[in-house]
Amino acid sequence: MPGQDAEFDYRRYQQLLADAVDDSKRLAFIELLIQERAKERLQAQRASDRMAMTVATITTVLASAPG
């Protein structure tokens, strides 16, 4: 499918949705989607923070280099 995320497991979610035949299973499925999205956002934030720290370190090193 076009536009699929590399980490998004469509088949897994499709099966979980098919298995969600009652309200408790549907709510559990929704909760899982929310938790996994939150985890993805946290990972993205951490990657961004690491990149910012790397850029700051490189800037400091280059600023202190002679010439």
N, C-alpha and C. Protein backbone atom coordinates (compact mmCIF):
# COMPACT_ATOMS: atom_id res chain seq x y z
N MET A 1 0.84 -1.19 0.00
CA MET A 1 0.00 0.00 0.00
C MET A 1 0.88 1.25 0.00
N PRO A 2 0.55 2.19 -0.82
CA PRO A 2 1.33 3.43 -0.82
C PRO A 2 1.17 4.17 0.50
N GLY A 3 2.25 4.80 0.93
CA GLY A 3 2.19 5.61 2.12
C GLY A 3 2.28 4.83 3.43
N GLN A 4 2.54 3.54 3.37
CA GLN A 4 2.66 2.77 4.60
C GLN A 4 3.92 3.15 5.33
N ASP A 5 3.83 3.22 6.66
CA ASP A 5 5.00 3.45 7.47
C ASP A 5 5.80 2.16 7.51
N ALA A 6 7.12 2.27 7.55
CA ALA A 6 7.96 1.08 7.59
C ALA A 6 7.71 0.28 8.86
N GLU A 7 7.37 0.94 9.95
CA GLU A 7 7.18 0.27 11.22
C GLU A 7 5.74 -0.16 11.47
N PHE A 8 4.81 0.27 10.65
CA PHE A 8 3.40 -0.01 10.88
C PHE A 8 3.07 -1.39 10.34
N ASP A 9 2.62 -2.28 11.20
CA ASP A 9 2.34 -3.66 10.84
C ASP A 9 0.85 -3.80 10.50
N TYR A 10 0.49 -3.51 9.26
CA TYR A 10 -0.91 -3.51 8.85
C TYR A 10 -1.57 -4.87 9.05
N ARG A 11 -0.86 -5.93 8.73
CA ARG A 11 -1.46 -7.26 8.87
C ARG A 11 -1.77 -7.58 10.32
N ARG A 12 -0.86 -7.22 11.21
CA ARG A 12 -1.10 -7.45 12.63
C ARG A 12 -2.32 -6.68 13.11
N TYR A 13 -2.39 -5.40 12.76
CA TYR A 13 -3.52 -4.58 13.18
C TYR A 13 -4.82 -5.05 12.54
N GLN A 14 -4.76 -5.48 11.31
CA GLN A 14 -5.94 -5.99 10.64
C GLN A 14 -6.46 -7.24 11.38
N GLN A 15 -5.54 -8.11 11.79
CA GLN A 15 -5.96 -9.31 12.51
C GLN A 15 -6.52 -8.95 13.89
N LEU A 16 -5.86 -8.03 14.57
CA LEU A 16 -6.37 -7.61 15.88
C LEU A 16 -7.76 -6.99 15.76
N LEU A 17 -7.96 -6.21 14.72
CA LEU A 17 -9.28 -5.61 14.50
C LEU A 17 -10.32 -6.68 14.20
N ALA A 18 -9.96 -7.66 13.39
CA ALA A 18 -10.89 -8.75 13.09
C ALA A 18 -11.24 -9.54 14.35
N ASP A 19 -10.27 -9.67 15.27
CA ASP A 19 -10.50 -10.40 16.51
C ASP A 19 -11.30 -9.60 17.54
N ALA A 20 -11.42 -8.31 17.33
CA ALA A 20 -12.12 -7.43 18.29
C ALA A 20 -13.62 -7.53 18.06
N VAL A 21 -14.20 -8.60 18.57
CA VAL A 21 -15.61 -8.88 18.29
C VAL A 21 -16.56 -8.36 19.37
N ASP A 22 -16.01 -7.89 20.49
CA ASP A 22 -16.87 -7.32 21.53
C ASP A 22 -16.26 -6.02 22.03
N ASP A 23 -16.99 -5.31 22.85
CA ASP A 23 -16.54 -3.99 23.31
C ASP A 23 -15.22 -4.04 24.06
N SER A 24 -15.03 -5.03 24.91
CA SER A 24 -13.78 -5.07 25.69
C SER A 24 -12.58 -5.30 24.78
N LYS A 25 -12.73 -6.13 23.77
CA LYS A 25 -11.63 -6.37 22.83
C LYS A 25 -11.39 -5.15 21.95
N ARG A 26 -12.46 -4.46 21.56
CA ARG A 26 -12.29 -3.24 20.77
C ARG A 26 -11.59 -2.16 21.57
N LEU A 27 -11.97 -2.01 22.83
CA LEU A 27 -11.31 -1.02 23.69
C LEU A 27 -9.84 -1.37 23.91
N ALA A 28 -9.55 -2.66 24.08
CA ALA A 28 -8.16 -3.09 24.24
C ALA A 28 -7.36 -2.79 22.98
N PHE A 29 -7.97 -2.99 21.81
CA PHE A 29 -7.31 -2.69 20.54
C PHE A 29 -7.02 -1.20 20.42
N ILE A 30 -7.99 -0.39 20.76
CA ILE A 30 -7.81 1.07 20.72
C ILE A 30 -6.69 1.49 21.67
N GLU A 31 -6.68 0.93 22.88
CA GLU A 31 -5.63 1.24 23.86
C GLU A 31 -4.25 0.85 23.32
N LEU A 32 -4.17 -0.30 22.68
CA LEU A 32 -2.90 -0.74 22.08
C LEU A 32 -2.42 0.25 21.03
N LEU A 33 -3.33 0.70 20.17
CA LEU A 33 -2.96 1.67 19.14
C LEU A 33 -2.45 2.97 19.77
N ILE A 34 -3.11 3.42 20.82
CA ILE A 34 -2.70 4.65 21.50
C ILE A 34 -1.32 4.48 22.12
N GLN A 35 -1.10 3.35 22.80
CA GLN A 35 0.19 3.10 23.45
C GLN A 35 1.32 3.02 22.43
N GLU A 36 1.08 2.31 21.33
CA GLU A 36 2.13 2.16 20.33
C GLU A 36 2.43 3.49 19.64
N ARG A 37 1.43 4.30 19.42
CA ARG A 37 1.66 5.63 18.83
C ARG A 37 2.46 6.51 19.78
N ALA A 38 2.13 6.43 21.07
CA ALA A 38 2.87 7.20 22.06
C ALA A 38 4.32 6.76 22.10
N LYS A 39 4.55 5.46 22.00
CA LYS A 39 5.92 4.94 22.00
C LYS A 39 6.69 5.44 20.78
N GLU A 40 6.03 5.46 19.62
CA GLU A 40 6.67 5.96 18.40
C GLU A 40 7.03 7.44 18.55
N ARG A 41 6.14 8.22 19.14
CA ARG A 41 6.40 9.64 19.32
C ARG A 41 7.57 9.86 20.27
N LEU A 42 7.64 9.07 21.34
CA LEU A 42 8.75 9.17 22.28
C LEU A 42 10.07 8.82 21.61
N GLN A 43 10.08 7.77 20.80
CA GLN A 43 11.29 7.39 20.08
C GLN A 43 11.72 8.50 19.12
N ALA A 44 10.78 9.11 18.45
CA ALA A 44 11.10 10.21 17.54
C ALA A 44 11.67 11.40 18.30
N GLN A 45 11.10 11.70 19.47
CA GLN A 45 11.61 12.81 20.28
C GLN A 45 13.02 12.52 20.76
N ARG A 46 13.28 11.30 21.18
CA ARG A 46 14.63 10.93 21.62
C ARG A 46 15.63 11.05 20.49
N ALA A 47 15.25 10.61 19.30
CA ALA A 47 16.14 10.73 18.15
C ALA A 47 16.42 12.20 17.84
N SER A 48 15.40 13.03 17.94
CA SER A 48 15.58 14.46 17.71
C SER A 48 16.51 15.07 18.76
N ASP A 49 16.34 14.67 20.01
CA ASP A 49 17.21 15.17 21.09
C ASP A 49 18.65 14.76 20.86
N ARG A 50 18.86 13.50 20.45
CA ARG A 50 20.23 13.03 20.18
C ARG A 50 20.86 13.83 19.05
N MET A 51 20.08 14.09 18.01
CA MET A 51 20.59 14.87 16.88
C MET A 51 20.95 16.28 17.32
N ALA A 52 20.13 16.89 18.14
CA ALA A 52 20.41 18.24 18.63
C ALA A 52 21.67 18.25 19.47
N MET A 53 21.86 17.24 20.29
CA MET A 53 23.08 17.17 21.11
C MET A 53 24.31 16.98 20.23
N THR A 54 24.19 16.18 19.19
CA THR A 54 25.29 15.97 18.27
C THR A 54 25.66 17.26 17.55
N VAL A 55 24.66 17.97 17.09
CA VAL A 55 24.90 19.25 16.40
C VAL A 55 25.57 20.24 17.35
N ALA A 56 25.10 20.30 18.59
CA ALA A 56 25.70 21.21 19.57
C ALA A 56 27.14 20.84 19.84
N THR A 57 27.44 19.57 19.94
CA THR A 57 28.82 19.13 20.19
C THR A 57 29.71 19.47 19.00
N ILE A 58 29.25 19.23 17.79
CA ILE A 58 30.03 19.55 16.60
C ILE A 58 30.27 21.05 16.51
N THR A 59 29.25 21.83 16.81
CA THR A 59 29.39 23.29 16.79
C THR A 59 30.43 23.75 17.79
N THR A 60 30.42 23.17 18.98
CA THR A 60 31.39 23.53 20.01
C THR A 60 32.79 23.17 19.58
N VAL A 61 32.97 21.99 19.02
CA VAL A 61 34.29 21.54 18.58
C VAL A 61 34.80 22.44 17.44
N LEU A 62 33.94 22.73 16.49
CA LEU A 62 34.37 23.57 15.37
C LEU A 62 34.66 25.00 15.81
N ALA A 63 33.92 25.50 16.78
CA ALA A 63 34.14 26.87 17.26
C ALA A 63 35.46 26.98 18.02
N SER A 64 35.87 25.90 18.66
CA SER A 64 37.12 25.95 19.44
C SER A 64 38.33 25.56 18.60
N ALA A 65 38.14 25.14 17.37
CA ALA A 65 39.27 24.75 16.51
C ALA A 65 40.01 26.00 16.06
N PRO A 66 41.34 25.91 16.05
CA PRO A 66 42.14 27.08 15.61
C PRO A 66 41.92 27.35 14.12
N GLY A 67 41.95 28.61 13.81
CA GLY A 67 41.94 29.04 12.43
C GLY A 67 40.66 29.09 11.81
